[in-house]
């Protein structure tokens, strides 16, 4: 595979489940090779600065996505809001990839799941689910309690 840095690397994906190889391949194709990534991370800028830059990029992507797909703002402690937004973005996009792009769901099925995702506005809930597989999102949303759901706005 050719990485954006220009290096061509052969990756062994045999240790990944077959149903996750395509998504991982797309993810790899959008990243610099490991050597360039490490060099960029370690060059001049400290690890903290690199991490802050990375988090800022992820946060901007999450905000852009939330605006584009009409996701409501999250509720909770100030220090959890950004993390919750990033977690929600990552989980919902992973679910779309697993269920629609690589799965058998139709867009109508996805629209129902997306509406359920809009009802869960507690940042802590999304943070708690951050390590979950995207394919499990529907079950998790069904199990979310009233404390995890915001006040529904019928004029969204």
N, C-alpha and C. Protein backbone atom coordinates (compact mmCIF):
# COMPACT_ATOMS: atom_id res chain seq x y z
N UNK A 1 0.84 -1.16 0.00
CA UNK A 1 0.00 0.00 0.00
C UNK A 1 0.89 1.23 0.00
N UNK A 2 0.46 2.26 -0.72
CA UNK A 2 1.20 3.51 -0.73
C UNK A 2 0.56 4.47 0.26
N UNK A 3 1.39 4.98 1.16
CA UNK A 3 0.93 5.91 2.19
C UNK A 3 1.05 7.34 1.69
N UNK A 4 0.32 8.29 2.31
CA UNK A 4 0.41 9.69 1.89
C UNK A 4 1.83 10.27 1.95
N UNK A 5 2.68 9.69 2.78
CA UNK A 5 4.06 10.17 2.88
C UNK A 5 4.88 9.76 1.66
N UNK A 6 4.32 8.87 0.82
CA UNK A 6 5.01 8.44 -0.39
C UNK A 6 5.67 7.08 -0.28
N UNK A 7 5.76 6.53 0.93
CA UNK A 7 6.38 5.22 1.10
C UNK A 7 5.38 4.11 0.78
N UNK A 8 5.90 3.06 0.16
CA UNK A 8 5.08 1.91 -0.14
C UNK A 8 5.46 0.80 0.83
N UNK A 9 4.50 0.35 1.61
CA UNK A 9 4.74 -0.65 2.65
C UNK A 9 3.78 -1.82 2.44
N UNK A 10 4.27 -3.02 2.66
CA UNK A 10 3.43 -4.22 2.64
C UNK A 10 3.01 -4.50 4.07
N UNK A 11 1.71 -4.57 4.29
CA UNK A 11 1.17 -4.82 5.62
C UNK A 11 0.56 -6.21 5.68
N UNK A 12 0.86 -6.95 6.72
CA UNK A 12 0.29 -8.28 6.94
C UNK A 12 -0.99 -8.12 7.74
N UNK A 13 -2.13 -8.37 7.12
CA UNK A 13 -3.42 -8.23 7.78
C UNK A 13 -4.02 -9.58 8.19
N UNK A 14 -3.22 -10.62 8.14
CA UNK A 14 -3.74 -11.96 8.44
C UNK A 14 -4.18 -12.11 9.90
N UNK A 15 -3.68 -11.25 10.79
CA UNK A 15 -4.08 -11.35 12.20
C UNK A 15 -5.37 -10.58 12.48
N UNK A 16 -5.93 -9.92 11.49
CA UNK A 16 -7.19 -9.18 11.64
C UNK A 16 -8.34 -10.05 11.13
N UNK A 17 -9.50 -9.96 11.79
CA UNK A 17 -10.66 -10.68 11.27
C UNK A 17 -10.98 -10.23 9.85
N UNK A 18 -11.42 -11.12 9.03
CA UNK A 18 -11.67 -10.83 7.62
C UNK A 18 -12.65 -9.67 7.44
N UNK A 19 -13.64 -9.56 8.30
CA UNK A 19 -14.64 -8.51 8.14
C UNK A 19 -14.14 -7.13 8.57
N UNK A 20 -12.93 -7.06 9.10
CA UNK A 20 -12.39 -5.76 9.52
C UNK A 20 -11.19 -5.32 8.68
N UNK A 21 -10.81 -6.12 7.75
CA UNK A 21 -9.61 -5.79 6.96
C UNK A 21 -9.83 -4.60 6.04
N UNK A 22 -10.98 -4.51 5.42
CA UNK A 22 -11.23 -3.42 4.46
C UNK A 22 -11.19 -2.07 5.17
N UNK A 23 -11.84 -1.98 6.32
CA UNK A 23 -11.86 -0.71 7.05
C UNK A 23 -10.45 -0.35 7.54
N UNK A 24 -9.72 -1.35 8.01
CA UNK A 24 -8.36 -1.09 8.49
C UNK A 24 -7.46 -0.67 7.33
N UNK A 25 -7.66 -1.27 6.17
CA UNK A 25 -6.87 -0.91 5.00
C UNK A 25 -7.13 0.54 4.62
N UNK A 26 -8.39 0.96 4.64
CA UNK A 26 -8.72 2.36 4.34
C UNK A 26 -8.07 3.28 5.36
N UNK A 27 -8.13 2.88 6.62
CA UNK A 27 -7.53 3.70 7.68
C UNK A 27 -6.02 3.82 7.45
N UNK A 28 -5.36 2.71 7.16
CA UNK A 28 -3.92 2.73 6.91
C UNK A 28 -3.57 3.60 5.71
N UNK A 29 -4.37 3.52 4.67
CA UNK A 29 -4.09 4.26 3.44
C UNK A 29 -4.15 5.77 3.66
N UNK A 30 -4.84 6.20 4.69
CA UNK A 30 -4.96 7.63 4.97
C UNK A 30 -3.89 8.13 5.94
N UNK A 31 -3.00 7.25 6.38
CA UNK A 31 -1.98 7.60 7.37
C UNK A 31 -0.58 7.46 6.77
N UNK A 32 0.35 8.26 7.31
CA UNK A 32 1.75 8.09 6.95
C UNK A 32 2.22 6.73 7.45
N UNK A 33 3.30 6.23 6.86
CA UNK A 33 3.86 4.95 7.32
C UNK A 33 4.36 5.11 8.76
N UNK A 34 4.58 4.03 9.42
CA UNK A 34 4.97 4.05 10.83
C UNK A 34 6.23 4.86 11.06
N UNK A 35 7.24 4.69 10.22
CA UNK A 35 8.50 5.43 10.40
C UNK A 35 8.28 6.93 10.27
N UNK A 36 7.53 7.37 9.27
CA UNK A 36 7.27 8.81 9.10
C UNK A 36 6.40 9.35 10.23
N UNK A 37 5.44 8.56 10.67
CA UNK A 37 4.58 8.98 11.77
C UNK A 37 5.42 9.19 13.03
N UNK A 38 6.29 8.23 13.33
CA UNK A 38 7.14 8.36 14.52
C UNK A 38 8.09 9.55 14.39
N UNK A 39 8.64 9.74 13.20
CA UNK A 39 9.56 10.87 12.99
C UNK A 39 8.83 12.19 13.18
N UNK A 40 7.62 12.30 12.66
CA UNK A 40 6.85 13.54 12.81
C UNK A 40 6.47 13.76 14.26
N UNK A 41 6.14 12.70 14.94
CA UNK A 41 5.75 12.80 16.35
C UNK A 41 6.94 13.21 17.21
N UNK A 42 8.09 12.66 16.92
CA UNK A 42 9.26 12.89 17.75
C UNK A 42 10.10 14.08 17.33
N UNK A 43 9.87 14.62 16.15
CA UNK A 43 10.72 15.71 15.65
C UNK A 43 10.38 17.03 16.34
N UNK A 44 11.37 17.71 16.79
CA UNK A 44 11.23 19.06 17.33
C UNK A 44 10.13 19.22 18.36
N UNK A 45 8.94 18.96 17.98
CA UNK A 45 7.80 19.12 18.88
C UNK A 45 7.77 17.97 19.88
N UNK A 46 7.48 18.30 21.10
CA UNK A 46 7.37 17.27 22.12
C UNK A 46 6.12 16.43 21.95
N UNK A 47 6.08 15.35 22.65
CA UNK A 47 4.93 14.45 22.56
C UNK A 47 3.64 15.16 22.95
N UNK A 48 3.72 16.03 23.96
CA UNK A 48 2.53 16.75 24.41
C UNK A 48 2.00 17.67 23.31
N UNK A 49 2.92 18.35 22.62
CA UNK A 49 2.51 19.24 21.55
C UNK A 49 1.91 18.44 20.39
N UNK A 50 2.52 17.30 20.07
CA UNK A 50 2.01 16.46 19.01
C UNK A 50 0.60 15.97 19.36
N UNK A 51 0.43 15.54 20.62
CA UNK A 51 -0.87 15.04 21.06
C UNK A 51 -1.91 16.16 21.04
N UNK A 52 -1.54 17.36 21.47
CA UNK A 52 -2.47 18.49 21.46
C UNK A 52 -2.91 18.81 20.03
N UNK A 53 -1.98 18.77 19.10
CA UNK A 53 -2.30 19.02 17.70
C UNK A 53 -3.25 17.95 17.17
N UNK A 54 -2.96 16.71 17.50
CA UNK A 54 -3.81 15.59 17.06
C UNK A 54 -5.23 15.72 17.63
N UNK A 55 -5.32 16.03 18.92
CA UNK A 55 -6.64 16.19 19.55
C UNK A 55 -7.41 17.34 18.92
N UNK A 56 -6.72 18.43 18.59
CA UNK A 56 -7.38 19.57 17.96
C UNK A 56 -7.94 19.18 16.59
N UNK A 57 -7.18 18.40 15.84
CA UNK A 57 -7.64 17.93 14.53
C UNK A 57 -8.87 17.03 14.68
N UNK A 58 -8.80 16.11 15.65
CA UNK A 58 -9.94 15.21 15.90
C UNK A 58 -11.16 15.99 16.34
N UNK A 59 -10.94 17.01 17.18
CA UNK A 59 -12.05 17.81 17.69
C UNK A 59 -12.72 18.58 16.56
N UNK A 60 -11.93 19.15 15.68
CA UNK A 60 -12.49 19.88 14.54
C UNK A 60 -13.28 18.95 13.63
N UNK A 61 -12.76 17.75 13.40
CA UNK A 61 -13.49 16.77 12.58
C UNK A 61 -14.80 16.38 13.24
N UNK A 62 -14.79 16.20 14.56
CA UNK A 62 -16.01 15.83 15.29
C UNK A 62 -17.05 16.96 15.23
N UNK A 63 -16.60 18.19 15.38
CA UNK A 63 -17.54 19.33 15.33
C UNK A 63 -18.14 19.50 13.94
N UNK A 64 -17.30 19.36 12.93
CA UNK A 64 -17.77 19.47 11.55
C UNK A 64 -18.79 18.38 11.26
N UNK A 65 -18.49 17.16 11.70
CA UNK A 65 -19.40 16.03 11.50
C UNK A 65 -20.72 16.27 12.23
N UNK A 66 -20.66 16.71 13.49
CA UNK A 66 -21.87 16.94 14.29
C UNK A 66 -22.75 18.00 13.64
N UNK A 67 -22.15 19.05 13.11
CA UNK A 67 -22.92 20.09 12.44
C UNK A 67 -23.54 19.54 11.15
N UNK A 68 -22.75 18.80 10.39
CA UNK A 68 -23.23 18.27 9.11
C UNK A 68 -24.41 17.31 9.29
N UNK A 69 -24.36 16.50 10.34
CA UNK A 69 -25.41 15.50 10.55
C UNK A 69 -26.40 15.90 11.64
N UNK A 70 -26.40 17.18 11.99
CA UNK A 70 -27.41 17.73 12.89
C UNK A 70 -27.45 17.02 14.25
N UNK A 71 -26.28 16.72 14.79
CA UNK A 71 -26.20 16.10 16.11
C UNK A 71 -26.30 17.20 17.17
N UNK A 72 -27.06 16.94 18.23
CA UNK A 72 -27.23 17.97 19.27
C UNK A 72 -25.96 18.12 20.10
N UNK A 73 -25.82 19.27 20.74
CA UNK A 73 -24.67 19.43 21.64
C UNK A 73 -24.79 18.45 22.81
N UNK A 74 -23.65 18.05 23.33
CA UNK A 74 -23.64 17.12 24.46
C UNK A 74 -23.72 17.89 25.77
N UNK A 75 -24.14 17.19 26.80
CA UNK A 75 -24.28 17.78 28.13
C UNK A 75 -23.33 17.06 29.08
N UNK A 76 -22.87 17.79 30.08
CA UNK A 76 -22.01 17.20 31.09
C UNK A 76 -20.96 18.19 31.54
N UNK A 77 -20.02 17.73 32.33
CA UNK A 77 -18.96 18.62 32.80
C UNK A 77 -18.16 19.17 31.62
N UNK A 78 -17.73 20.40 31.74
CA UNK A 78 -16.98 21.08 30.67
C UNK A 78 -15.81 20.24 30.16
N UNK A 79 -15.08 19.62 31.09
CA UNK A 79 -13.88 18.86 30.67
C UNK A 79 -14.24 17.58 29.91
N UNK A 80 -15.49 17.15 29.96
CA UNK A 80 -15.89 15.92 29.27
C UNK A 80 -16.52 16.18 27.90
N UNK A 81 -16.91 17.41 27.63
CA UNK A 81 -17.66 17.69 26.40
C UNK A 81 -16.86 17.40 25.13
N UNK A 82 -15.63 17.89 25.04
CA UNK A 82 -14.83 17.65 23.84
C UNK A 82 -14.55 16.16 23.65
N UNK A 83 -14.18 15.49 24.74
CA UNK A 83 -13.90 14.06 24.68
C UNK A 83 -15.16 13.30 24.26
N UNK A 84 -16.30 13.69 24.79
CA UNK A 84 -17.57 13.06 24.42
C UNK A 84 -17.89 13.25 22.95
N UNK A 85 -17.64 14.47 22.43
CA UNK A 85 -17.88 14.73 21.01
C UNK A 85 -16.99 13.85 20.13
N UNK A 86 -15.73 13.75 20.49
CA UNK A 86 -14.82 12.90 19.71
C UNK A 86 -15.24 11.44 19.78
N UNK A 87 -15.63 11.00 20.98
CA UNK A 87 -16.04 9.59 21.15
C UNK A 87 -17.30 9.30 20.34
N UNK A 88 -18.28 10.21 20.38
CA UNK A 88 -19.52 10.03 19.62
C UNK A 88 -19.19 9.95 18.13
N UNK A 89 -18.39 10.87 17.65
CA UNK A 89 -18.02 10.90 16.23
C UNK A 89 -17.36 9.58 15.81
N UNK A 90 -16.40 9.14 16.59
CA UNK A 90 -15.68 7.92 16.24
C UNK A 90 -16.58 6.69 16.27
N UNK A 91 -17.45 6.59 17.28
CA UNK A 91 -18.32 5.42 17.39
C UNK A 91 -19.39 5.41 16.31
N UNK A 92 -20.01 6.53 16.04
CA UNK A 92 -21.08 6.56 15.03
C UNK A 92 -20.50 6.33 13.64
N UNK A 93 -19.35 6.90 13.34
CA UNK A 93 -18.76 6.65 12.02
C UNK A 93 -18.29 5.20 11.89
N UNK A 94 -17.80 4.62 12.98
CA UNK A 94 -17.42 3.20 12.95
C UNK A 94 -18.66 2.33 12.74
N UNK A 95 -19.77 2.72 13.36
CA UNK A 95 -21.01 1.96 13.19
C UNK A 95 -21.50 2.05 11.74
N UNK A 96 -21.42 3.24 11.14
CA UNK A 96 -21.85 3.38 9.76
C UNK A 96 -21.00 2.51 8.84
N UNK A 97 -19.71 2.50 9.08
CA UNK A 97 -18.82 1.66 8.27
C UNK A 97 -19.19 0.19 8.42
N UNK A 98 -19.36 -0.26 9.67
CA UNK A 98 -19.63 -1.68 9.93
C UNK A 98 -21.02 -2.11 9.44
N UNK A 99 -22.01 -1.26 9.63
CA UNK A 99 -23.38 -1.68 9.35
C UNK A 99 -23.85 -1.36 7.93
N UNK A 100 -23.43 -0.22 7.39
CA UNK A 100 -23.92 0.20 6.08
C UNK A 100 -22.88 -0.05 4.99
N UNK A 101 -21.70 0.54 5.16
CA UNK A 101 -20.68 0.44 4.11
C UNK A 101 -20.23 -0.99 3.90
N UNK A 102 -19.92 -1.70 4.99
CA UNK A 102 -19.44 -3.07 4.87
C UNK A 102 -20.53 -4.09 5.21
N UNK A 103 -21.63 -3.62 5.77
CA UNK A 103 -22.70 -4.52 6.20
C UNK A 103 -23.85 -4.55 5.22
N UNK A 104 -25.01 -4.95 5.74
CA UNK A 104 -26.18 -5.14 4.88
C UNK A 104 -27.29 -4.14 5.14
N UNK A 105 -27.03 -3.16 5.98
CA UNK A 105 -28.07 -2.19 6.31
C UNK A 105 -28.35 -1.28 5.12
N UNK A 106 -29.62 -0.88 5.02
CA UNK A 106 -30.04 0.12 4.05
C UNK A 106 -29.98 1.49 4.72
N UNK A 107 -30.02 2.55 3.92
CA UNK A 107 -29.97 3.90 4.49
C UNK A 107 -31.16 4.18 5.41
N UNK A 108 -32.31 3.59 5.15
CA UNK A 108 -33.48 3.77 6.02
C UNK A 108 -33.23 3.21 7.41
N UNK A 109 -32.60 2.05 7.48
CA UNK A 109 -32.24 1.46 8.77
C UNK A 109 -31.26 2.37 9.50
N UNK A 110 -30.31 2.90 8.75
CA UNK A 110 -29.31 3.78 9.35
C UNK A 110 -29.95 5.05 9.88
N UNK A 111 -30.93 5.59 9.16
CA UNK A 111 -31.59 6.83 9.59
C UNK A 111 -32.24 6.63 10.97
N UNK A 112 -32.81 5.46 11.21
CA UNK A 112 -33.42 5.17 12.51
C UNK A 112 -32.36 5.14 13.61
N UNK A 113 -31.24 4.51 13.34
CA UNK A 113 -30.16 4.47 14.33
C UNK A 113 -29.62 5.88 14.59
N UNK A 114 -29.49 6.66 13.56
CA UNK A 114 -28.99 8.03 13.69
C UNK A 114 -29.93 8.86 14.58
N UNK A 115 -31.23 8.67 14.42
CA UNK A 115 -32.19 9.39 15.27
C UNK A 115 -32.03 8.97 16.74
N UNK A 116 -31.81 7.70 16.98
CA UNK A 116 -31.59 7.23 18.35
C UNK A 116 -30.31 7.84 18.91
N UNK A 117 -29.28 7.94 18.09
CA UNK A 117 -28.01 8.52 18.54
C UNK A 117 -28.20 9.98 18.94
N UNK A 118 -29.08 10.68 18.26
CA UNK A 118 -29.33 12.09 18.58
C UNK A 118 -29.96 12.26 19.97
N UNK A 119 -30.64 11.25 20.44
CA UNK A 119 -31.32 11.38 21.74
C UNK A 119 -30.38 11.22 22.92
N UNK A 120 -29.23 10.61 22.73
CA UNK A 120 -28.27 10.41 23.82
C UNK A 120 -27.32 11.60 23.82
N UNK A 121 -27.49 12.46 24.81
CA UNK A 121 -26.73 13.71 24.85
C UNK A 121 -25.78 13.81 26.03
N UNK A 122 -25.70 12.78 26.86
CA UNK A 122 -24.76 12.84 27.99
C UNK A 122 -23.37 12.46 27.48
N UNK A 123 -22.44 13.39 27.60
CA UNK A 123 -21.08 13.17 27.11
C UNK A 123 -20.46 11.93 27.74
N UNK A 124 -20.70 11.71 29.01
CA UNK A 124 -20.13 10.56 29.71
C UNK A 124 -20.57 9.23 29.12
N UNK A 125 -21.78 9.17 28.59
CA UNK A 125 -22.26 7.93 27.98
C UNK A 125 -21.41 7.60 26.76
N UNK A 126 -21.15 8.59 25.93
CA UNK A 126 -20.34 8.36 24.73
C UNK A 126 -18.91 8.01 25.10
N UNK A 127 -18.38 8.65 26.13
CA UNK A 127 -17.03 8.33 26.58
C UNK A 127 -16.96 6.89 27.08
N UNK A 128 -17.98 6.47 27.83
CA UNK A 128 -18.02 5.10 28.35
C UNK A 128 -18.06 4.06 27.23
N UNK A 129 -18.62 4.42 26.09
CA UNK A 129 -18.78 3.47 24.97
C UNK A 129 -17.62 3.54 23.98
N UNK A 130 -16.60 4.34 24.23
CA UNK A 130 -15.56 4.64 23.24
C UNK A 130 -14.81 3.43 22.71
N UNK A 131 -14.73 2.35 23.46
CA UNK A 131 -13.99 1.17 23.01
C UNK A 131 -14.90 0.10 22.42
N UNK A 132 -16.14 0.44 22.21
CA UNK A 132 -17.13 -0.51 21.71
C UNK A 132 -17.02 -0.66 20.20
N UNK A 133 -17.37 -1.81 19.71
CA UNK A 133 -17.41 -2.05 18.26
C UNK A 133 -18.59 -1.29 17.68
N UNK A 134 -18.39 -0.72 16.50
CA UNK A 134 -19.45 0.03 15.85
C UNK A 134 -20.71 -0.78 15.62
N UNK A 135 -20.55 -2.06 15.35
CA UNK A 135 -21.70 -2.92 15.07
C UNK A 135 -22.60 -3.11 16.29
N UNK A 136 -22.13 -2.75 17.48
CA UNK A 136 -22.92 -2.89 18.70
C UNK A 136 -23.68 -1.62 19.08
N UNK A 137 -23.56 -0.57 18.28
CA UNK A 137 -24.14 0.72 18.66
C UNK A 137 -25.65 0.66 18.85
N UNK A 138 -26.38 -0.01 17.99
CA UNK A 138 -27.83 -0.07 18.12
C UNK A 138 -28.24 -0.65 19.47
N UNK A 139 -27.63 -1.75 19.85
CA UNK A 139 -27.93 -2.38 21.14
C UNK A 139 -27.60 -1.45 22.30
N UNK A 140 -26.51 -0.73 22.21
CA UNK A 140 -26.13 0.21 23.26
C UNK A 140 -27.10 1.37 23.36
N UNK A 141 -27.52 1.89 22.22
CA UNK A 141 -28.49 2.99 22.22
C UNK A 141 -29.82 2.56 22.81
N UNK A 142 -30.24 1.33 22.52
CA UNK A 142 -31.48 0.81 23.09
C UNK A 142 -31.38 0.66 24.60
N UNK A 143 -30.17 0.39 25.09
CA UNK A 143 -29.97 0.18 26.53
C UNK A 143 -29.72 1.48 27.29
N UNK A 144 -29.51 2.58 26.59
CA UNK A 144 -29.24 3.86 27.26
C UNK A 144 -30.42 4.24 28.14
N UNK A 145 -30.12 4.73 29.32
CA UNK A 145 -31.17 5.11 30.27
C UNK A 145 -31.65 6.53 30.09
N UNK A 146 -32.68 6.88 30.84
CA UNK A 146 -33.25 8.22 30.77
C UNK A 146 -32.23 9.29 31.14
N UNK A 147 -31.33 8.97 32.07
CA UNK A 147 -30.31 9.94 32.49
C UNK A 147 -29.33 10.25 31.37
N UNK A 148 -29.24 9.37 30.39
CA UNK A 148 -28.33 9.56 29.27
C UNK A 148 -28.95 10.36 28.13
N UNK A 149 -30.27 10.49 28.17
CA UNK A 149 -31.00 11.15 27.09
C UNK A 149 -31.34 12.58 27.50
N UNK A 150 -31.22 13.48 26.53
CA UNK A 150 -31.56 14.87 26.80
C UNK A 150 -33.05 15.09 26.59
N UNK A 151 -33.45 16.31 26.76
CA UNK A 151 -34.83 16.67 26.51
C UNK A 151 -35.03 16.71 25.00
N UNK A 152 -35.99 15.97 24.53
CA UNK A 152 -36.22 15.90 23.10
C UNK A 152 -36.79 17.20 22.59
N UNK A 153 -36.22 17.74 21.52
CA UNK A 153 -36.69 18.96 20.90
C UNK A 153 -37.44 18.61 19.62
N UNK A 154 -38.77 18.75 19.59
CA UNK A 154 -39.52 18.36 18.40
C UNK A 154 -39.29 19.32 17.23
N UNK A 155 -38.65 20.46 17.48
CA UNK A 155 -38.43 21.46 16.43
C UNK A 155 -36.99 21.47 15.95
N UNK A 156 -36.31 20.35 16.06
CA UNK A 156 -34.91 20.22 15.66
C UNK A 156 -34.74 20.61 14.22
